PDB file of N, CA and C in Angstrom:
ATOM      1  N   LYS A   1      12.536   9.669  -3.584  1.00  0.00           N
ATOM      2  CA  LYS A   1      13.768   9.883  -3.129  1.00  0.00           C
ATOM      3  C   LYS A   1      14.701   8.606  -3.745  1.00  0.00           C
ATOM      4  N   LEU A   2      14.123   7.430  -3.748  1.00  0.00           N
ATOM      5  CA  LEU A   2      14.710   6.250  -4.248  1.00  0.00           C
ATOM      6  C   LEU A   2      14.753   5.941  -5.749  1.00  0.00           C
ATOM      7  N   GLY A   3      13.773   6.919  -6.358  1.00  0.00           N
ATOM      8  CA  GLY A   3      13.692   6.728  -7.815  1.00  0.00           C
ATOM      9  C   GLY A   3      12.816   5.649  -8.275  1.00  0.00           C
ATOM     10  N   ILE A   4      11.958   5.137  -7.337  1.00  0.00           N
ATOM     11  CA  ILE A   4      11.175   3.947  -7.728  1.00  0.00           C
ATOM     12  C   ILE A   4       9.756   4.613  -8.084  1.00  0.00           C
ATOM     13  N   LYS A   5       9.392   4.279  -9.352  1.00  0.00           N
ATOM     14  CA  LYS A   5       8.137   4.905  -9.835  1.00  0.00           C
ATOM     15  C   LYS A   5       7.086   3.618  -9.943  1.00  0.00           C
ATOM     16  N   PRO A   6       5.726   3.833  -9.730  1.00  0.00           N
ATOM     17  CA  PRO A   6       4.755   2.884  -9.866  1.00  0.00           C
ATOM     18  C   PRO A   6       4.540   2.508 -11.257  1.00  0.00           C
ATOM     19  N   LEU A   7       4.161   1.150 -11.586  1.00  0.00           N
ATOM     20  CA  LEU A   7       3.656   0.917 -12.998  1.00  0.00           C
ATOM     21  C   LEU A   7       2.427   1.447 -13.282  1.00  0.00           C
ATOM     22  N   GLY A   8       1.545   1.768 -12.294  1.00  0.00           N
ATOM     23  CA  GLY A   8       0.234   2.477 -12.537  1.00  0.00           C
ATOM     24  C   GLY A   8      -0.370   3.022 -11.131  1.00  0.00           C
ATOM     25  N   ILE A   9      -1.185   4.103 -11.400  1.00  0.00           N
ATOM     26  CA  ILE A   9      -1.874   4.628 -10.319  1.00  0.00           C
ATOM     27  C   ILE A   9      -3.409   4.827 -10.704  1.00  0.00           C
ATOM     28  N   GLU A  10      -4.222   4.515  -9.769  1.00  0.00           N
ATOM     29  CA  GLU A  10      -5.724   4.522 -10.040  1.00  0.00           C
ATOM     30  C   GLU A  10      -6.288   5.442  -8.812  1.00  0.00           C
ATOM     31  N   GLY A  11      -7.290   6.059  -9.022  1.00  0.00           N
ATOM     32  CA  GLY A  11      -8.019   6.777  -8.187  1.00  0.00           C
ATOM     33  C   GLY A  11      -7.631   8.202  -7.698  1.00  0.00           C
ATOM     34  N   LEU A  12      -6.610   8.840  -8.334  1.00  0.00           N
ATOM     35  CA  LEU A  12      -6.278  10.076  -8.064  1.00  0.00           C
ATOM     36  C   LEU A  12      -7.434  11.218  -8.356  1.00  0.00           C
ATOM     37  N   GLU A  13      -8.219  10.848  -9.402  1.00  0.00           N
ATOM     38  CA  GLU A  13      -9.321  11.711  -9.762  1.00  0.00           C
ATOM     39  C   GLU A  13     -10.405  12.059  -8.513  1.00  0.00           C
ATOM     40  N   VAL A  14     -10.663  11.087  -7.885  1.00  0.00           N
ATOM     41  CA  VAL A  14     -11.542  11.161  -6.804  1.00  0.00           C
ATOM     42  C   VAL A  14     -10.800  11.372  -5.385  1.00  0.00           C
ATOM     43  N   GLY A  15      -9.829  10.543  -5.237  1.00  0.00           N
ATOM     44  CA  GLY A  15      -8.909  10.787  -4.094  1.00  0.00           C
ATOM     45  C   GLY A  15      -9.432  10.034  -2.677  1.00  0.00           C
ATOM     46  N   GLN A  16     -10.539   9.264  -2.811  1.00  0.00           N
ATOM     47  CA  GLN A  16     -11.056   8.550  -1.697  1.00  0.00           C
ATOM     48  C   GLN A  16     -10.360   7.191  -1.455  1.00  0.00           C
ATOM     49  N   TRP A  17      -9.955   6.600  -2.691  1.00  0.00           N
ATOM     50  CA  TRP A  17      -9.050   5.479  -2.450  1.00  0.00           C
ATOM     51  C   TRP A  17      -8.179   5.385  -3.654  1.00  0.00           C
ATOM     52  N   ILE A  18      -6.936   5.376  -3.398  1.00  0.00           N
ATOM     53  CA  ILE A  18      -5.703   5.405  -4.284  1.00  0.00           C
ATOM     54  C   ILE A  18      -4.867   4.152  -4.333  1.00  0.00           C
ATOM     55  N   VAL A  19      -4.878   3.486  -5.516  1.00  0.00           N
ATOM     56  CA  VAL A  19      -4.059   2.302  -5.605  1.00  0.00           C
ATOM     57  C   VAL A  19      -2.933   2.631  -6.438  1.00  0.00           C
ATOM     58  N   MET A  20      -1.715   2.167  -5.945  1.00  0.00           N
ATOM     59  CA  MET A  20      -0.550   2.275  -6.542  1.00  0.00           C
ATOM     60  C   MET A  20       0.247   0.969  -6.742  1.00  0.00           C
ATOM     61  N   ASP A  21       0.413   0.567  -7.955  1.00  0.00           N
ATOM     62  CA  ASP A  21       0.983  -0.709  -8.272  1.00  0.00           C
ATOM     63  C   ASP A  21       2.575  -0.672  -8.493  1.00  0.00           C
ATOM     64  N   TYR A  22       3.268  -1.329  -7.702  1.00  0.00           N
ATOM     65  CA  TYR A  22       4.844  -1.322  -7.694  1.00  0.00           C
ATOM     66  C   TYR A  22       5.172  -2.825  -8.059  1.00  0.00           C
ATOM     67  N   GLU A  23       4.297  -3.498  -8.758  1.00  0.00           N
ATOM     68  CA  GLU A  23       4.741  -4.809  -9.252  1.00  0.00           C
ATOM     69  C   GLU A  23       4.739  -5.848  -8.056  1.00  0.00           C
ATOM     70  N   THR A  24       5.607  -5.653  -7.122  1.00  0.00           N
ATOM     71  CA  THR A  24       5.865  -6.623  -5.990  1.00  0.00           C
ATOM     72  C   THR A  24       5.041  -6.067  -4.816  1.00  0.00           C
ATOM     73  N   VAL A  25       4.613  -4.892  -4.768  1.00  0.00           N
ATOM     74  CA  VAL A  25       3.798  -4.443  -3.773  1.00  0.00           C
ATOM     75  C   VAL A  25       2.649  -3.558  -4.393  1.00  0.00           C
ATOM     76  N   ILE A  26       1.570  -3.585  -3.927  1.00  0.00           N
ATOM     77  CA  ILE A  26       0.291  -2.818  -4.166  1.00  0.00           C
ATOM     78  C   ILE A  26       0.128  -1.968  -3.063  1.00  0.00           C
ATOM     79  N   LEU A  27      -0.024  -0.575  -3.139  1.00  0.00           N
ATOM     80  CA  LEU A  27      -0.305   0.303  -2.149  1.00  0.00           C
ATOM     81  C   LEU A  27      -1.602   0.820  -2.184  1.00  0.00           C
ATOM     82  N   HIS A  28      -2.346   0.689  -1.167  1.00  0.00           N
ATOM     83  CA  HIS A  28      -3.776   1.127  -1.092  1.00  0.00           C
ATOM     84  C   HIS A  28      -3.824   2.427  -0.073  1.00  0.00           C
ATOM     85  N   ILE A  29      -4.204   3.510  -0.462  1.00  0.00           N
ATOM     86  CA  ILE A  29      -4.256   4.728   0.353  1.00  0.00           C
ATOM     87  C   ILE A  29      -5.705   5.176   0.368  1.00  0.00           C
ATOM     88  N   PHE A  30      -6.285   5.279   1.498  1.00  0.00           N
ATOM     89  CA  PHE A  30      -7.633   5.469   1.821  1.00  0.00           C
ATOM     90  C   PHE A  30      -8.039   6.797   2.552  1.00  0.00           C
ATOM     91  N   TYR A  31      -8.994   7.438   2.179  1.00  0.00           N
ATOM     92  CA  TYR A  31      -9.700   8.472   2.940  1.00  0.00           C
ATOM     93  C   TYR A  31     -10.434   7.670   4.081  1.00  0.00           C
ATOM     94  N   GLU A  32     -10.127   8.154   5.322  1.00  0.00           N
ATOM     95  CA  GLU A  32     -10.534   7.416   6.565  1.00  0.00           C
ATOM     96  C   GLU A  32     -12.015   6.817   6.510  1.00  0.00           C
ATOM     97  N   PRO A  33     -13.109   7.658   6.155  1.00  0.00           N
ATOM     98  CA  PRO A  33     -14.471   6.948   6.049  1.00  0.00           C
ATOM     99  C   PRO A  33     -14.402   5.902   5.097  1.00  0.00           C
ATOM    100  N   ILE A  34     -13.874   5.931   3.888  1.00  0.00           N
ATOM    101  CA  ILE A  34     -13.837   4.939   2.971  1.00  0.00           C
ATOM    102  C   ILE A  34     -13.137   3.662   3.462  1.00  0.00           C
ATOM    103  N   ARG A  35     -11.995   3.707   4.165  1.00  0.00           N
ATOM    104  CA  ARG A  35     -11.362   2.646   4.657  1.00  0.00           C
ATOM    105  C   ARG A  35     -12.184   1.753   5.624  1.00  0.00           C
ATOM    106  N   LYS A  36     -13.044   2.506   6.435  1.00  0.00           N
ATOM    107  CA  LYS A  36     -13.887   1.742   7.354  1.00  0.00           C
ATOM    108  C   LYS A  36     -14.948   1.066   6.645  1.00  0.00           C
ATOM    109  N   ILE A  37     -15.320   1.496   5.455  1.00  0.00           N
ATOM    110  CA  ILE A  37     -16.434   0.746   4.676  1.00  0.00           C
ATOM    111  C   ILE A  37     -15.946  -0.516   4.121  1.00  0.00           C
ATOM    112  N   TYR A  38     -14.710  -0.540   3.566  1.00  0.00           N
ATOM    113  CA  TYR A  38     -14.004  -1.614   2.886  1.00  0.00           C
ATOM    114  C   TYR A  38     -13.436  -2.641   4.004  1.00  0.00           C
ATOM    115  N   ALA A  39     -12.883  -2.171   5.079  1.00  0.00           N
ATOM    116  CA  ALA A  39     -12.454  -2.910   6.194  1.00  0.00           C
ATOM    117  C   ALA A  39     -11.316  -4.131   5.557  1.00  0.00           C
ATOM    118  N   LEU A  40     -10.455  -3.665   4.852  1.00  0.00           N
ATOM    119  CA  LEU A  40      -9.485  -4.590   4.281  1.00  0.00           C
ATOM    120  C   LEU A  40      -8.785  -5.662   5.233  1.00  0.00           C
ATOM    121  N   GLU A  41      -8.517  -4.955   6.454  1.00  0.00           N
ATOM    122  CA  GLU A  41      -7.774  -5.637   7.314  1.00  0.00           C
ATOM    123  C   GLU A  41      -8.485  -6.942   7.840  1.00  0.00           C
ATOM    124  N   GLU A  42      -9.911  -6.860   7.800  1.00  0.00           N
ATOM    125  CA  GLU A  42     -10.746  -8.052   8.181  1.00  0.00           C
ATOM    126  C   GLU A  42     -10.582  -9.272   7.198  1.00  0.00           C
ATOM    127  N   LEU A  43     -10.303  -8.910   5.839  1.00  0.00           N
ATOM    128  CA  LEU A  43     -10.032  -9.942   4.866  1.00  0.00           C
ATOM    129  C   LEU A  43      -8.830 -10.808   5.183  1.00  0.00           C
ATOM    130  N   TRP A  44      -7.832 -10.203   5.751  1.00  0.00           N
ATOM    131  CA  TRP A  44      -6.706 -11.014   6.058  1.00  0.00           C
ATOM    132  C   TRP A  44      -6.325 -11.031   7.477  1.00  0.00           C
ATOM    133  N   GLY A  45      -7.478 -11.125   8.296  1.00  0.00           N
ATOM    134  CA  GLY A  45      -7.114 -11.047   9.913  1.00  0.00           C
ATOM    135  C   GLY A  45      -6.581 -12.279  10.359  1.00  0.00           C
ATOM    136  N   ASP A  46      -6.544 -13.431   9.724  1.00  0.00           N
ATOM    137  CA  ASP A  46      -5.930 -14.597  10.284  1.00  0.00           C
ATOM    138  C   ASP A  46      -4.404 -14.636   9.975  1.00  0.00           C
ATOM    139  N   PHE A  47      -3.705 -13.645   9.148  1.00  0.00           N
ATOM    140  CA  PHE A  47      -2.482 -13.551   8.917  1.00  0.00           C
ATOM    141  C   PHE A  47      -1.828 -12.850  10.114  1.00  0.00           C
ATOM    142  N   PRO A  48      -0.611 -13.245  10.561  1.00  0.00           N
ATOM    143  CA  PRO A  48      -0.012 -12.441  11.647  1.00  0.00           C
ATOM    144  C   PRO A  48       0.477 -11.248  11.006  1.00  0.00           C
ATOM    145  N   PRO A  49       0.490  -9.983  11.765  1.00  0.00           N
ATOM    146  CA  PRO A  49       0.977  -8.722  11.281  1.00  0.00           C
ATOM    147  C   PRO A  49       2.384  -8.693  10.973  1.00  0.00           C
ATOM    148  N   ARG A  50       2.878  -8.062   9.852  1.00  0.00           N
ATOM    149  CA  ARG A  50       4.291  -8.005   9.697  1.00  0.00           C
ATOM    150  C   ARG A  50       4.862  -6.707  10.375  1.00  0.00           C
ATOM    151  N   LYS A  51       6.024  -6.700  10.808  1.00  0.00           N
ATOM    152  CA  LYS A  51       6.755  -5.523  11.404  1.00  0.00           C
ATOM    153  C   LYS A  51       6.974  -4.513  10.177  1.00  0.00           C
ATOM    154  N   LYS A  52       6.904  -3.291  10.507  1.00  0.00           N
ATOM    155  CA  LYS A  52       7.185  -2.248   9.480  1.00  0.00           C
ATOM    156  C   LYS A  52       8.642  -2.146   9.402  1.00  0.00           C
ATOM    157  N   GLN A  53       9.019  -1.908   8.221  1.00  0.00           N
ATOM    158  CA  GLN A  53      10.497  -1.518   7.785  1.00  0.00           C
ATOM    159  C   GLN A  53      10.829  -0.273   8.061  1.00  0.00           C
ATOM    160  N   LYS A  54      11.850  -0.063   9.002  1.00  0.00           N
ATOM    161  CA  LYS A  54      12.300   1.287   9.260  1.00  0.00           C
ATOM    162  C   LYS A  54      13.215   1.868   8.079  1.00  0.00           C
ATOM    163  N   ASN A  55      13.835   0.923   7.484  1.00  0.00           N
ATOM    164  CA  ASN A  55      14.626   1.555   6.338  1.00  0.00           C
ATOM    165  C   ASN A  55      14.234   0.741   5.045  1.00  0.00           C
ATOM    166  N   LEU A  56      13.423   1.582   4.197  1.00  0.00           N
ATOM    167  CA  LEU A  56      12.851   1.001   3.031  1.00  0.00           C
ATOM    168  C   LEU A  56      13.973   0.594   2.060  1.00  0.00           C
ATOM    169  N   GLN A  57      14.993   1.271   1.843  1.00  0.00           N
ATOM    170  CA  GLN A  57      16.043   1.288   1.002  1.00  0.00           C
ATOM    171  C   GLN A  57      16.840   0.024   1.433  1.00  0.00           C
ATOM    172  N   ALA A  58      17.145  -0.373   2.597  1.00  0.00           N
ATOM    173  CA  ALA A  58      17.781  -1.537   2.955  1.00  0.00           C
ATOM    174  C   ALA A  58      17.000  -2.808   2.664  1.00  0.00           C
ATOM    175  N   SER A  59      15.600  -2.704   2.995  1.00  0.00           N
ATOM    176  CA  SER A  59      14.756  -3.735   2.784  1.00  0.00           C
ATOM    177  C   SER A  59      14.714  -4.116   1.228  1.00  0.00           C
ATOM    178  N   LEU A  60      14.731  -3.075   0.262  1.00  0.00           N
ATOM    179  CA  LEU A  60      14.614  -3.467  -1.101  1.00  0.00           C
ATOM    180  C   LEU A  60      15.869  -3.959  -1.567  1.00  0.00           C
ATOM    181  N   SER A  61      17.103  -3.630  -1.081  1.00  0.00           N
ATOM    182  CA  SER A  61      18.382  -4.173  -1.449  1.00  0.00           C
ATOM    183  C   SER A  61      18.551  -5.725  -1.112  1.00  0.00           C
ATOM    184  N   GLN A  62      17.771  -6.068  -0.166  1.00  0.00           N
ATOM    185  CA  GLN A  62      17.862  -7.528   0.308  1.00  0.00           C
ATOM    186  C   GLN A  62      17.171  -8.435  -0.683  1.00  0.00           C
ATOM    187  N   GLU A  63      16.202  -7.921  -1.554  1.00  0.00           N
ATOM    188  CA  GLU A  63      15.450  -8.755  -2.311  1.00  0.00           C
ATOM    189  C   GLU A  63      16.285  -9.027  -3.631  1.00  0.00           C
TER     190      GLU A  63
END
């Protein structure tokens, strides 16, 4: 919708863990059983959670 395309995408062939590189943001999409195995949230558990952006376009235009 915004016309933003990733620099790279990995994992589409298998579809259990897809990584999308947007340069300033790396997006991980997991199949639920695989997500539990890697438990990435535990790696950064000491960081406070960030609020979700309701309006992605407004957020991107502020950068």
